[in-house]
Amino acid sequence: MLSGELTTLFRAARKVISVNQKHINDSAIGDKGLSADIVLGKAKANYKAAAGKPLDMNTGTESKQAMLDAVQTVMEDAQDLINEEGVGLKGFLPAIFARQVASKFSSNMKGKMAIKLTAPKSYVRNRANRPDKWEHNIIENKFKSASYEKGKPYYENAKVKGKMAYRYILPEYYGKSCLGCHGQPKGELDITGGKKEGGVLGELGGAISLSIFE
């Protein structure tokens, strides 16, 4: 399913930034070795590990290439920032990366598709990532339900800002690399100065929402 492939690819790319966050913020190192080509290679490897097979560019070629191009553009634009020696926190966080990639992807697809990183309302730090009514309903009434299969995406035809679309949303759970900013103790300031949510390993922490317009 194309929607599953795209959301998995999006997550695979963000994981590269997440697991390399300490490396990116190391003030003693200049060149971090995270060029656009290297990040794309790592993203494809993460995709293969998650999907159990390599990314197939023979189907959904336009949208998959749009996603890869978005990652490449964001990483090319970020090189001066992440490679700046003598500076610790760069502000190039997984959520920032994801938001920039989502914006580039949506632009590349010229209104035919849009992707978004969102989360339960209580966990959203940036209002641009707040779930809309449909996303909020799925997160609260399906993903948080004890009877819902963990990790299972949800999809249906539903409106986005009044326009009908095929909507696909993939739940996300806190991994080890997430807890430095989103873990415990709740309320403690993380490296960005934001308050930690108090999340625990494996807890629902967000979702990737994809819309394909008719």
Protein backbone atom coordinates (compact mmCIF):
# COMPACT_ATOMS: atom_id res chain seq x y z
CA MET A 1 0.00 0.00 0.00
CA LEU A 2 1.49 3.32 -1.13
CA SER A 3 0.31 5.21 1.95
CA GLY A 4 2.06 2.71 4.20
CA GLU A 5 5.25 2.94 2.17
CA LEU A 6 5.31 6.74 2.27
CA THR A 7 4.67 7.03 6.01
CA THR A 8 7.27 4.35 6.71
CA LEU A 9 9.81 6.17 4.53
CA PHE A 10 9.04 9.46 6.29
CA ARG A 11 9.59 7.82 9.67
CA ALA A 12 12.74 6.05 8.47
CA ALA A 13 14.28 9.38 7.45
CA ARG A 14 13.39 11.07 10.73
CA LYS A 15 14.96 8.17 12.64
CA VAL A 16 18.34 9.06 11.12
CA ILE A 17 18.14 12.49 12.76
CA SER A 18 16.82 11.06 16.01
CA VAL A 19 19.59 8.51 16.55
CA ASN A 20 22.24 11.06 15.53
CA GLN A 21 20.99 13.88 17.75
CA LYS A 22 23.93 13.78 20.19
CA HIS A 23 26.35 13.63 17.27
CA ILE A 24 24.69 16.63 15.60
CA ASN A 25 24.96 18.63 18.83
CA ASP A 26 28.61 17.74 19.49
CA SER A 27 30.37 21.11 19.50
CA ALA A 28 33.80 19.50 19.16
CA ILE A 29 33.06 18.09 15.71
CA GLY A 30 32.74 20.06 12.50
CA ASP A 31 31.72 17.84 9.61
CA LYS A 32 29.15 15.42 11.03
CA GLY A 33 29.21 13.10 8.03
CA LEU A 34 25.48 13.54 7.52
CA SER A 35 25.33 14.79 3.95
CA ALA A 36 22.06 14.51 2.06
CA ASP A 37 23.29 11.39 0.25
CA ILE A 38 24.37 9.70 3.47
CA VAL A 39 21.08 10.48 5.21
CA LEU A 40 19.12 9.19 2.22
CA GLY A 41 21.17 5.98 2.32
CA LYS A 42 20.54 5.52 6.02
CA ALA A 43 16.84 6.31 5.55
CA LYS A 44 16.53 3.63 2.88
CA ALA A 45 18.32 1.15 5.16
CA ASN A 46 15.91 2.02 7.99
CA TYR A 47 13.01 1.59 5.58
CA LYS A 48 14.23 -1.86 4.53
CA ALA A 49 14.61 -2.90 8.18
CA ALA A 50 11.09 -1.69 9.00
CA ALA A 51 9.33 -2.94 5.86
CA GLY A 52 11.31 -6.14 5.40
CA LYS A 53 12.13 -5.23 1.81
CA PRO A 54 13.88 -2.44 -0.11
CA LEU A 55 11.98 0.66 -1.18
CA ASP A 56 10.31 -0.15 -4.52
CA MET A 57 10.55 2.84 -6.84
CA ASN A 58 8.61 1.09 -9.61
CA THR A 59 5.27 1.92 -7.97
CA GLY A 60 4.13 5.29 -6.65
CA THR A 61 7.27 6.70 -8.21
CA GLU A 62 6.21 10.36 -8.20
CA SER A 63 5.30 10.48 -4.51
CA LYS A 64 8.26 8.41 -3.32
CA GLN A 65 10.66 10.54 -5.33
CA ALA A 66 8.96 13.65 -3.92
CA MET A 67 9.66 12.35 -0.41
CA LEU A 68 13.29 11.53 -1.18
CA ASP A 69 13.73 14.93 -2.83
CA ALA A 70 12.25 16.61 0.23
CA VAL A 71 14.72 14.85 2.53
CA GLN A 72 17.59 15.77 0.23
CA THR A 73 16.60 19.44 0.09
CA VAL A 74 16.19 19.72 3.86
CA MET A 75 19.56 18.09 4.50
CA GLU A 76 21.35 20.19 1.91
CA ASP A 77 19.91 23.34 3.47
CA ALA A 78 20.93 22.19 6.98
CA GLN A 79 24.61 21.42 6.31
CA ASP A 80 26.03 24.73 7.53
CA LEU A 81 23.95 24.50 10.69
CA ILE A 82 24.69 20.91 11.71
CA ASN A 83 28.39 21.17 10.80
CA GLU A 84 29.06 24.35 12.75
CA GLU A 85 31.96 23.64 15.08
CA GLY A 86 31.97 25.20 18.54
CA VAL A 87 28.17 25.25 18.79
CA GLY A 88 26.31 22.67 20.84
CA LEU A 89 22.53 22.60 20.49
CA LYS A 90 21.75 23.23 16.82
CA GLY A 91 17.96 23.17 17.09
CA PHE A 92 17.88 20.63 14.27
CA LEU A 93 15.58 18.25 16.11
CA PRO A 94 13.72 15.23 14.68
CA ALA A 95 10.42 17.14 14.89
CA ILE A 96 11.93 20.15 13.11
CA PHE A 97 13.38 17.92 10.41
CA ALA A 98 10.04 16.14 10.01
CA ARG A 99 8.11 19.38 9.73
CA GLN A 100 10.50 20.72 7.10
CA VAL A 101 10.37 17.47 5.10
CA ALA A 102 6.57 17.41 5.34
CA SER A 103 6.38 20.96 4.00
CA LYS A 104 8.75 20.20 1.11
CA PHE A 105 6.93 16.97 0.27
CA SER A 106 3.52 18.64 0.22
CA SER A 107 4.95 21.39 -2.01
CA ASN A 108 6.56 18.83 -4.32
CA MET A 109 3.23 17.03 -4.68
CA LYS A 110 1.46 20.29 -5.62
CA GLY A 111 -1.66 19.67 -3.57
CA LYS A 112 -2.13 16.03 -4.53
CA MET A 113 -0.79 14.72 -1.21
CA ALA A 114 0.15 16.10 2.18
CA ILE A 115 1.91 14.54 5.15
CA LYS A 116 2.03 15.71 8.74
CA LEU A 117 3.57 14.75 12.05
CA THR A 118 1.05 15.07 14.86
CA ALA A 119 0.49 13.80 18.41
CA PRO A 120 -2.04 13.60 21.23
CA LYS A 121 -3.04 17.19 22.05
CA SER A 122 -1.37 17.08 25.46
CA TYR A 123 1.96 16.18 23.83
CA VAL A 124 1.98 18.74 21.02
CA ARG A 125 4.63 21.45 21.45
CA ASN A 126 4.20 23.27 18.15
CA ARG A 127 0.65 24.35 17.33
CA ALA A 128 1.31 23.64 13.65
CA ASN A 129 1.39 19.96 14.59
CA ARG A 130 -1.91 19.93 16.47
CA PRO A 131 -4.23 17.14 15.33
CA ASP A 132 -7.36 18.15 13.45
CA LYS A 133 -10.71 16.70 14.53
CA TRP A 134 -10.31 13.52 12.50
CA GLU A 135 -6.75 12.87 13.72
CA HIS A 136 -7.71 13.66 17.31
CA ASN A 137 -10.63 11.22 17.16
CA ILE A 138 -8.47 8.38 15.81
CA ILE A 139 -5.67 9.02 18.32
CA GLU A 140 -7.98 9.19 21.32
CA ASN A 141 -10.61 6.59 20.44
CA LYS A 142 -8.60 4.04 18.48
CA PHE A 143 -4.84 4.28 19.07
CA LYS A 144 -5.27 4.79 22.82
CA SER A 145 -7.81 2.00 23.15
CA ALA A 146 -6.53 -1.11 24.94
CA SER A 147 -8.31 -3.24 22.34
CA TYR A 148 -6.65 -1.58 19.35
CA GLU A 149 -3.77 -3.50 17.77
CA LYS A 150 -0.54 -1.68 18.58
CA GLY A 151 1.15 -0.23 15.53
CA LYS A 152 -1.79 -0.79 13.20
CA PRO A 153 -2.51 2.16 10.90
CA TYR A 154 -6.03 3.46 10.38
CA TYR A 155 -7.44 4.73 7.09
CA GLU A 156 -10.69 5.89 5.56
CA ASN A 157 -12.12 8.51 3.25
CA ALA A 158 -12.68 11.71 5.19
CA LYS A 159 -12.52 15.46 4.73
CA VAL A 160 -9.45 17.66 5.20
CA LYS A 161 -10.41 21.32 5.56
CA GLY A 162 -13.63 20.63 3.71
CA LYS A 163 -12.01 18.64 0.89
CA MET A 164 -12.53 14.90 0.56
CA ALA A 165 -9.37 12.76 0.76
CA TYR A 166 -8.12 9.29 1.47
CA ARG A 167 -6.70 9.64 4.97
CA TYR A 168 -4.10 7.33 6.48
CA ILE A 169 -2.63 7.69 9.95
CA LEU A 170 0.19 5.65 11.46
CA PRO A 171 0.65 5.54 15.26
CA GLU A 172 4.09 6.21 16.72
CA TYR A 173 5.50 5.05 20.03
CA TYR A 174 8.36 6.42 22.06
CA GLY A 175 11.71 4.76 21.35
CA LYS A 176 14.90 5.14 23.35
CA SER A 177 16.12 8.05 21.23
CA CYS A 178 12.88 9.93 21.92
CA LEU A 179 13.03 9.85 25.70
CA GLY A 180 15.90 12.32 26.06
CA CYS A 181 13.43 15.08 25.17
CA HIS A 182 10.06 13.45 25.84
CA GLY A 183 10.70 11.08 28.74
CA GLN A 184 10.84 11.37 32.49
CA PRO A 185 10.76 13.07 34.87
CA LYS A 186 7.73 14.92 33.58
CA GLY A 187 8.17 18.68 33.61
CA GLU A 188 11.98 18.58 33.65
CA LEU A 189 13.54 20.79 31.00
CA ASP A 190 15.09 18.99 28.05
CA ILE A 191 18.08 20.19 26.00
CA THR A 192 15.85 22.62 24.08
CA GLY A 193 14.38 24.19 27.19
CA GLY A 194 11.03 22.50 26.63
CA LYS A 195 9.28 20.53 29.35
CA LYS A 196 9.49 16.76 29.12
CA GLU A 197 6.15 15.02 28.66
CA GLY A 198 6.98 12.16 31.02
CA GLY A 199 6.64 9.55 28.30
CA VAL A 200 7.84 5.98 28.73
CA LEU A 201 9.33 3.49 26.29
CA GLY A 202 6.65 2.08 24.00
CA GLU A 203 3.99 4.64 24.87
CA LEU A 204 1.93 6.28 22.13
CA GLY A 205 3.71 9.56 21.48
CA GLY A 206 2.50 10.71 18.09
CA ALA A 207 1.29 9.79 14.63
CA ILE A 208 2.11 10.37 10.98
CA SER A 209 -0.91 11.53 9.01
CA LEU A 210 -1.06 11.30 5.22
CA SER A 211 -3.79 12.73 3.00
CA ILE A 212 -4.26 11.80 -0.66
CA PHE A 213 -6.70 14.13 -2.36
CA GLU A 214 -9.21 13.05 -4.96
